[in-house]
Amino acid sequence: MAPNVSDAPLFHHARGIDHVHFGIVRPGPISQLLTAPAECNPGGVCPDDPLHEALWYEPAYQWLASKVSFYPLFLAAGESRTAHQLTGYSNQFHRRQPDQPLRNEVLFSFSDLPEPISFQDYSYWHLPLGAGYDSCWPHQPEDVQVSASDERSILKRSWRRSDWLRWERREPGSVQAVVPELDLTQATRVWCRNQPTRQRLLRMGFSPERVSVQRIPVITW
């Protein structure tokens, strides 16, 4: 059943328009889709670019996959503006340098999501990210070492969905969620950066009542 458009969107996922289609999206390790760049050598220094940034994050994603039993697709949870910003959607509204490519992100928001879904405390997410960030491709399972106490802080396995959402209301931007796949057609609300992008989404089949142009403030820390 499609979500009611009056329901408050609680889960948010942003992705580039070129990676949007009218249906289900599933994540996977980027290293399975690409061949290793020539500059990426064990023990060497990798370039600072979006490709290598994604590769650097992969060990943390693999660690999380081993804990939740599926490769994670990430969402921000909650109703706060900070939750929207946590998805990265607002980053496209930064002032762009002439040599930087134009970002065109679409934000899909959902009033509910089916199981399986797993939550993490975002304030501790830097621990697995940092543990594997400096390792060069190819990554190994042992690249990420997270202590048992830190794992408990990240996953809080005794918490129910209601506990996580209550915590996010108390600490906006503190909760992320992961799912194995996401049906974009079930989004309660879809935000995009401009009218050409909106028209492109409508041609894919997204409902005009749910798709709107929306800018949100750039996040500052």
Protein backbone atom coordinates (compact mmCIF):
# COMPACT_ATOMS: atom_id res chain seq x y z
CA MET A 1 0.00 0.00 0.00
CA ALA A 2 1.32 3.44 -0.90
CA PRO A 3 2.00 5.73 2.07
CA ASN A 4 -0.50 8.44 2.93
CA VAL A 5 0.88 11.82 1.84
CA SER A 6 -0.40 13.32 5.08
CA ASP A 7 1.83 11.07 7.19
CA ALA A 8 4.94 12.73 8.60
CA PRO A 9 8.04 11.54 6.72
CA LEU A 10 10.42 9.90 9.19
CA PHE A 11 13.10 8.37 6.94
CA HIS A 12 15.14 10.24 4.34
CA HIS A 13 17.49 9.13 1.58
CA ALA A 14 19.27 11.33 -0.97
CA ARG A 15 20.84 10.22 -4.24
CA GLY A 16 21.99 11.83 -7.46
CA ILE A 17 19.36 12.11 -10.19
CA ASP A 18 21.45 9.90 -12.49
CA HIS A 19 21.09 7.09 -9.93
CA VAL A 20 17.32 7.40 -9.59
CA HIS A 21 14.85 5.10 -11.28
CA PHE A 22 11.18 4.34 -10.77
CA GLY A 23 11.51 1.22 -8.67
CA ILE A 24 13.67 -0.58 -6.13
CA VAL A 25 17.29 0.40 -5.53
CA ARG A 26 19.80 -1.90 -3.81
CA PRO A 27 23.28 -1.04 -2.50
CA GLY A 28 26.48 -2.94 -3.11
CA PRO A 29 30.22 -2.59 -2.53
CA ILE A 30 31.71 -0.11 -4.96
CA SER A 31 34.85 -2.26 -5.16
CA GLN A 32 32.78 -4.96 -6.91
CA LEU A 33 31.78 -2.51 -9.63
CA LEU A 34 35.17 -0.97 -10.36
CA THR A 35 38.72 -1.95 -11.11
CA ALA A 36 41.35 -0.56 -8.77
CA PRO A 37 42.67 2.84 -9.89
CA ALA A 38 46.35 2.82 -10.79
CA GLU A 39 47.09 5.35 -8.01
CA CYS A 40 45.59 3.08 -5.33
CA ASN A 41 48.51 1.01 -4.13
CA PRO A 42 48.87 -0.82 -0.81
CA GLY A 43 50.74 1.42 1.59
CA GLY A 44 50.45 4.40 -0.77
CA VAL A 45 48.52 7.66 -0.53
CA CYS A 46 45.25 7.68 -2.43
CA PRO A 47 43.95 10.79 -4.23
CA ASP A 48 41.30 12.96 -2.61
CA ASP A 49 38.35 12.47 -4.97
CA PRO A 50 34.76 11.13 -4.73
CA LEU A 51 35.76 7.66 -5.97
CA HIS A 52 38.40 7.17 -3.31
CA GLU A 53 36.16 8.71 -0.67
CA ALA A 54 33.60 5.99 -1.43
CA LEU A 55 36.32 3.34 -1.29
CA TRP A 56 37.56 4.65 2.05
CA TYR A 57 34.06 4.33 3.52
CA GLU A 58 33.61 0.77 2.28
CA PRO A 59 35.35 -1.01 5.22
CA ALA A 60 32.89 0.59 7.66
CA TYR A 61 29.99 -0.44 5.42
CA GLN A 62 31.32 -4.00 5.31
CA TRP A 63 31.66 -4.00 9.10
CA LEU A 64 28.04 -2.87 9.48
CA ALA A 65 26.88 -5.46 6.94
CA SER A 66 28.45 -8.19 9.10
CA LYS A 67 26.41 -6.93 12.07
CA VAL A 68 23.01 -6.44 10.42
CA SER A 69 23.19 -9.33 7.88
CA PHE A 70 22.75 -7.19 4.75
CA TYR A 71 24.76 -4.61 2.82
CA PRO A 72 23.49 -1.23 4.05
CA LEU A 73 21.60 1.47 2.21
CA PHE A 74 21.66 4.53 4.46
CA LEU A 75 18.87 6.86 5.56
CA ALA A 76 18.56 9.60 8.13
CA ALA A 77 15.76 9.11 10.67
CA GLY A 78 13.56 11.74 12.25
CA GLU A 79 11.46 14.80 11.47
CA SER A 80 14.07 17.47 12.18
CA ARG A 81 15.76 19.77 9.67
CA THR A 82 19.05 18.28 10.85
CA ALA A 83 17.86 14.83 9.74
CA HIS A 84 17.27 16.23 6.23
CA GLN A 85 20.74 17.75 6.22
CA LEU A 86 22.31 14.51 7.40
CA THR A 87 21.45 12.92 4.04
CA GLY A 88 23.75 15.35 2.20
CA TYR A 89 20.88 16.83 0.18
CA SER A 90 21.70 20.37 1.31
CA ASN A 91 25.34 20.04 0.17
CA GLN A 92 24.33 20.73 -3.43
CA PHE A 93 23.41 24.28 -2.41
CA HIS A 94 26.94 25.17 -1.36
CA ARG A 95 28.55 27.88 -3.44
CA ARG A 96 30.32 25.90 -6.18
CA GLN A 97 33.84 26.53 -7.41
CA PRO A 98 34.21 26.80 -11.22
CA ASP A 99 36.09 23.50 -11.46
CA GLN A 100 33.55 21.57 -9.36
CA PRO A 101 30.82 19.49 -11.05
CA LEU A 102 27.20 20.47 -10.52
CA ARG A 103 25.49 18.24 -7.97
CA ASN A 104 21.87 17.32 -8.52
CA GLU A 105 20.54 15.38 -5.54
CA VAL A 106 17.00 14.13 -4.96
CA LEU A 107 15.65 13.56 -1.44
CA PHE A 108 13.21 10.68 -0.94
CA SER A 109 11.31 10.73 2.36
CA PHE A 110 9.16 7.92 3.77
CA SER A 111 6.54 7.88 6.51
CA ASP A 112 7.36 4.25 7.29
CA LEU A 113 9.63 1.43 6.14
CA PRO A 114 9.18 -2.32 6.39
CA GLU A 115 11.52 -4.72 8.15
CA PRO A 116 14.37 -5.44 8.03
CA ILE A 117 15.63 -2.10 9.23
CA SER A 118 18.52 -1.39 11.60
CA PHE A 119 19.31 1.83 13.47
CA GLN A 120 22.64 3.28 14.58
CA ASP A 121 23.65 6.12 16.85
CA TYR A 122 25.24 8.55 14.39
CA SER A 123 27.29 10.22 17.13
CA TYR A 124 29.35 7.01 17.34
CA TRP A 125 29.44 6.23 13.60
CA HIS A 126 32.84 7.92 13.28
CA LEU A 127 34.39 4.96 15.12
CA PRO A 128 34.01 2.35 12.33
CA LEU A 129 34.52 5.04 9.69
CA GLY A 130 37.81 6.12 11.23
CA ALA A 131 38.96 2.56 11.84
CA GLY A 132 38.97 1.73 8.13
CA TYR A 133 39.38 5.15 6.52
CA ASP A 134 43.15 5.01 6.16
CA SER A 135 43.29 1.54 4.65
CA CYS A 136 44.04 1.39 0.95
CA TRP A 137 42.07 -0.74 -1.45
CA PRO A 138 41.70 -3.73 -1.51
CA HIS A 139 40.20 -3.77 1.98
CA GLN A 140 40.33 -6.71 4.33
CA PRO A 141 37.73 -7.66 6.98
CA GLU A 142 40.23 -6.91 9.72
CA ASP A 143 40.64 -3.31 8.53
CA VAL A 144 37.87 -2.24 10.93
CA GLN A 145 38.28 -3.04 14.60
CA VAL A 146 35.44 -1.86 16.85
CA SER A 147 35.45 -2.74 20.54
CA ALA A 148 32.49 -4.54 22.09
CA SER A 149 31.58 -1.48 24.15
CA ASP A 150 31.72 0.80 21.09
CA GLU A 151 29.61 -1.66 19.13
CA ARG A 152 26.97 -1.55 21.89
CA SER A 153 27.03 2.26 21.75
CA ILE A 154 26.54 2.26 17.98
CA LEU A 155 23.86 -0.43 17.63
CA LYS A 156 21.97 -0.28 20.96
CA ARG A 157 20.40 -3.65 20.12
CA SER A 158 17.87 -3.51 22.96
CA TRP A 159 16.24 -0.36 21.56
CA ARG A 160 12.99 -0.59 19.61
CA ARG A 161 12.10 1.62 16.65
CA SER A 162 10.09 3.89 18.95
CA ASP A 163 13.13 4.30 21.23
CA TRP A 164 15.28 5.44 18.32
CA LEU A 165 12.72 7.94 17.07
CA ARG A 166 12.23 9.28 20.57
CA TRP A 167 16.00 9.73 20.88
CA GLU A 168 16.13 11.60 17.56
CA ARG A 169 13.49 14.03 18.79
CA ARG A 170 15.66 14.68 21.82
CA GLU A 171 18.94 14.79 19.85
CA PRO A 172 18.16 15.90 16.25
CA GLY A 173 20.41 14.35 13.61
CA SER A 174 21.58 11.60 15.95
CA VAL A 175 20.01 8.57 14.27
CA GLN A 176 20.73 6.84 10.98
CA ALA A 177 18.97 3.76 9.64
CA VAL A 178 19.95 1.12 7.10
CA VAL A 179 17.85 -1.16 4.91
CA PRO A 180 18.81 -3.77 2.29
CA GLU A 181 16.76 -2.07 -0.43
CA LEU A 182 14.44 0.86 -0.99
CA ASP A 183 11.40 1.20 -3.23
CA LEU A 184 11.60 4.81 -4.38
CA THR A 185 8.05 4.65 -5.73
CA GLN A 186 6.77 4.39 -2.14
CA ALA A 187 8.25 7.73 -1.05
CA THR A 188 5.77 9.93 0.77
CA ARG A 189 7.58 13.05 -0.44
CA VAL A 190 10.26 13.81 -3.03
CA TRP A 191 12.34 16.99 -3.04
CA CYS A 192 14.60 18.14 -5.87
CA ARG A 193 16.70 21.20 -6.68
CA ASN A 194 14.91 22.72 -9.71
CA GLN A 195 12.04 22.42 -12.16
CA PRO A 196 13.99 20.55 -14.89
CA THR A 197 14.84 17.86 -12.32
CA ARG A 198 11.20 17.73 -11.21
CA GLN A 199 10.07 17.25 -14.80
CA ARG A 200 12.62 14.46 -15.23
CA LEU A 201 11.22 12.71 -12.14
CA LEU A 202 7.65 13.08 -13.39
CA ARG A 203 8.63 11.51 -16.72
CA MET A 204 9.98 8.52 -14.78
CA GLY A 205 6.54 8.08 -13.22
CA PHE A 206 6.74 9.81 -9.85
CA SER A 207 3.50 11.44 -8.73
CA PRO A 208 3.35 15.23 -9.30
CA GLU A 209 1.56 15.63 -5.95
CA ARG A 210 4.58 14.27 -4.14
CA VAL A 211 7.45 15.89 -6.06
CA SER A 212 8.41 19.49 -5.30
CA VAL A 213 11.37 21.83 -5.67
CA GLN A 214 12.83 22.50 -2.24
CA ARG A 215 16.02 24.16 -1.08
CA ILE A 216 17.17 23.60 2.49
CA PRO A 217 19.91 25.46 4.39
CA VAL A 218 23.46 24.22 4.04
CA ILE A 219 24.55 22.40 7.16
CA THR A 220 27.18 24.00 9.38
CA TRP A 221 28.95 22.38 12.30
